Amino acid sequence: MTARLPTSVLFCCDFNAVRSPMAEGIMKKIIGQQIYVQSAGVRSDLDINGYAVTVCNEIGIELSRHRTRAMHEMRDFGDDLASFELIVALSPAAQRVASEHTRLFSLELEYWPVLDPTGMAEQREDSLVYFRQTRDQIKQKIVERFGGDLPHM
């Protein structure tokens, strides 16, 4: 059974370069415009990861234009952490930082432990296997939490 749908969701991870943009893209594909969805990281030092772009492209989700941003930069992009009804942290660091930034606000914070596929393999094909696992793990968690499905997966 799925929980009530929030009006807005922020996915966050370490660098907003792999897990959180994957989650944002998958969520938008599944839910459409029913919910306002964004992503951010603890830091924004990296560009979107090419493997994340590739494995999301395989299921019809375009990430190549994604620009990374950190949680502390949200206001610069016209958002505020306090304006989100639900924050989903996909890494322990993101959970800690989101909790620190939002402890005075009335919002929901969930932690979804999701595999960080970076650095798991040296060869391209092996890396893609780990990135697909992460993508599919995120998709499954989104479907379990919010309902819906990707029609061609």
Protein backbone atom coordinates (compact mmCIF):
# COMPACT_ATOMS: atom_id res chain seq x y z
CA MET A 1 0.00 0.00 0.00
CA THR A 2 1.32 3.43 -0.88
CA ALA A 3 1.34 6.39 1.45
CA ARG A 4 -0.46 9.65 0.69
CA LEU A 5 1.22 11.54 -2.11
CA PRO A 6 3.08 14.66 -1.00
CA THR A 7 2.78 17.85 -3.06
CA SER A 8 6.57 18.23 -3.39
CA VAL A 9 9.59 15.95 -3.08
CA LEU A 10 13.31 16.68 -2.95
CA PHE A 11 15.71 13.79 -3.56
CA CYS A 12 19.20 14.34 -2.20
CA CYS A 13 22.50 12.48 -2.20
CA ASP A 14 26.19 13.33 -1.92
CA PHE A 15 26.94 15.27 -5.13
CA ASN A 16 23.63 15.41 -7.06
CA ALA A 17 25.48 13.63 -9.87
CA VAL A 18 24.15 10.05 -9.75
CA ARG A 19 21.44 8.88 -7.33
CA SER A 20 19.36 12.00 -6.74
CA PRO A 21 19.13 13.04 -10.42
CA MET A 22 18.23 9.44 -11.28
CA ALA A 23 15.49 9.55 -8.65
CA GLU A 24 14.25 12.93 -9.88
CA GLY A 25 14.08 11.73 -13.48
CA ILE A 26 12.43 8.41 -12.65
CA MET A 27 9.90 10.09 -10.35
CA LYS A 28 8.97 12.65 -13.00
CA LYS A 29 8.55 9.85 -15.56
CA ILE A 30 6.33 7.79 -13.25
CA ILE A 31 4.31 10.53 -11.55
CA GLY A 32 4.31 13.23 -14.25
CA GLN A 33 3.39 16.66 -12.98
CA GLN A 34 1.23 15.50 -10.06
CA ILE A 35 4.09 16.30 -7.66
CA TYR A 36 6.77 18.98 -7.77
CA VAL A 37 10.08 17.06 -7.84
CA GLN A 38 13.68 18.31 -7.61
CA SER A 39 17.07 17.00 -6.54
CA ALA A 40 20.14 18.34 -4.78
CA GLY A 41 23.34 17.12 -3.16
CA VAL A 42 25.36 17.77 -0.05
CA ARG A 43 27.86 19.29 -2.48
CA SER A 44 27.75 20.14 -6.19
CA ASP A 45 31.41 19.73 -7.16
CA LEU A 46 30.77 17.19 -9.92
CA ASP A 47 28.89 17.15 -13.22
CA ILE A 48 26.18 14.61 -13.91
CA ASN A 49 27.75 11.17 -14.19
CA GLY A 50 27.84 9.78 -17.74
CA TYR A 51 26.91 6.28 -16.61
CA ALA A 52 23.83 7.66 -14.84
CA VAL A 53 22.87 9.43 -18.08
CA THR A 54 23.37 6.22 -20.07
CA VAL A 55 21.36 3.87 -17.86
CA CYS A 56 18.50 6.33 -17.49
CA ASN A 57 18.47 6.86 -21.25
CA GLU A 58 17.89 3.10 -21.57
CA ILE A 59 14.47 3.56 -19.93
CA GLY A 60 13.56 6.80 -21.68
CA ILE A 61 14.74 9.29 -19.07
CA GLU A 62 16.90 12.20 -20.23
CA LEU A 63 19.51 13.39 -17.70
CA SER A 64 22.19 14.91 -19.93
CA ARG A 65 20.96 18.48 -19.32
CA HIS A 66 20.90 18.06 -15.54
CA ARG A 67 23.00 20.62 -13.67
CA THR A 68 24.15 19.67 -10.20
CA ARG A 69 23.29 21.80 -7.20
CA ALA A 70 23.83 21.58 -3.47
CA MET A 71 21.15 21.83 -0.80
CA HIS A 72 22.64 25.10 0.46
CA GLU A 73 22.25 26.52 -3.08
CA MET A 74 18.52 25.82 -3.33
CA ARG A 75 17.48 29.44 -2.88
CA ASP A 76 19.76 30.46 -5.77
CA PHE A 77 17.63 28.20 -7.97
CA GLY A 78 14.29 29.53 -6.70
CA ASP A 79 13.62 26.75 -4.18
CA ASP A 80 13.90 26.46 -0.42
CA LEU A 81 14.36 23.25 1.55
CA ALA A 82 11.53 24.30 3.84
CA SER A 83 9.11 24.46 0.91
CA PHE A 84 9.32 20.72 0.24
CA GLU A 85 6.79 18.47 1.93
CA LEU A 86 9.07 15.43 1.70
CA ILE A 87 12.84 15.10 1.47
CA VAL A 88 14.20 11.69 0.49
CA ALA A 89 17.85 11.22 1.41
CA LEU A 90 19.66 8.60 -0.65
CA SER A 91 22.92 8.63 1.32
CA PRO A 92 23.84 8.92 5.01
CA ALA A 93 25.55 12.29 4.43
CA ALA A 94 22.47 13.65 2.67
CA GLN A 95 20.26 12.44 5.50
CA ARG A 96 22.45 14.19 8.08
CA VAL A 97 22.66 17.48 6.16
CA ALA A 98 18.95 17.51 5.30
CA SER A 99 18.13 16.87 8.94
CA GLU A 100 20.41 19.72 10.06
CA HIS A 101 18.96 22.17 7.51
CA THR A 102 15.34 21.30 8.21
CA ARG A 103 15.15 20.53 11.93
CA LEU A 104 13.03 23.64 12.55
CA PHE A 105 10.61 22.97 9.69
CA SER A 106 7.54 20.79 9.53
CA LEU A 107 8.37 18.36 6.77
CA GLU A 108 8.92 14.68 6.33
CA LEU A 109 12.42 13.25 5.93
CA GLU A 110 12.91 9.69 4.71
CA TYR A 111 16.16 7.79 4.30
CA TRP A 112 16.40 5.25 1.49
CA PRO A 113 19.72 3.39 1.59
CA VAL A 114 20.62 3.12 -2.09
CA LEU A 115 23.78 1.64 -3.59
CA ASP A 116 26.39 4.21 -4.64
CA PRO A 117 27.63 2.68 -7.93
CA THR A 118 30.59 5.00 -8.40
CA GLY A 119 33.97 3.35 -8.16
CA MET A 120 32.52 -0.17 -7.99
CA ALA A 121 34.16 -1.34 -11.21
CA GLU A 122 36.94 -0.36 -13.58
CA GLN A 123 35.51 -1.56 -16.90
CA ARG A 124 32.66 0.29 -18.63
CA GLU A 125 30.35 -2.72 -18.92
CA ASP A 126 30.90 -3.68 -15.29
CA SER A 127 30.21 -0.11 -14.18
CA LEU A 128 26.99 -0.06 -16.19
CA VAL A 129 25.83 -3.18 -14.34
CA TYR A 130 26.17 -1.37 -10.99
CA PHE A 131 24.53 1.80 -12.30
CA ARG A 132 21.59 -0.26 -13.61
CA GLN A 133 21.26 -1.87 -10.18
CA THR A 134 21.11 1.55 -8.57
CA ARG A 135 18.60 2.82 -11.16
CA ASP A 136 16.38 -0.22 -10.65
CA GLN A 137 16.65 0.00 -6.86
CA ILE A 138 15.55 3.65 -6.97
CA LYS A 139 12.70 2.84 -9.36
CA GLN A 140 11.48 0.04 -7.09
CA LYS A 141 11.55 2.29 -4.02
CA ILE A 142 9.65 5.03 -5.87
CA VAL A 143 6.99 2.59 -7.06
CA GLU A 144 6.63 1.13 -3.55
CA ARG A 145 6.36 4.58 -1.93
CA PHE A 146 4.36 6.53 -4.52
CA GLY A 147 2.74 3.95 -6.81
CA GLY A 148 2.80 3.93 -10.59
CA ASP A 149 5.18 2.17 -12.96
CA LEU A 150 7.34 2.73 -16.00
CA PRO A 151 5.42 1.16 -18.87
CA HIS A 152 8.41 -0.16 -20.85
CA MET A 153 10.66 -1.55 -18.10
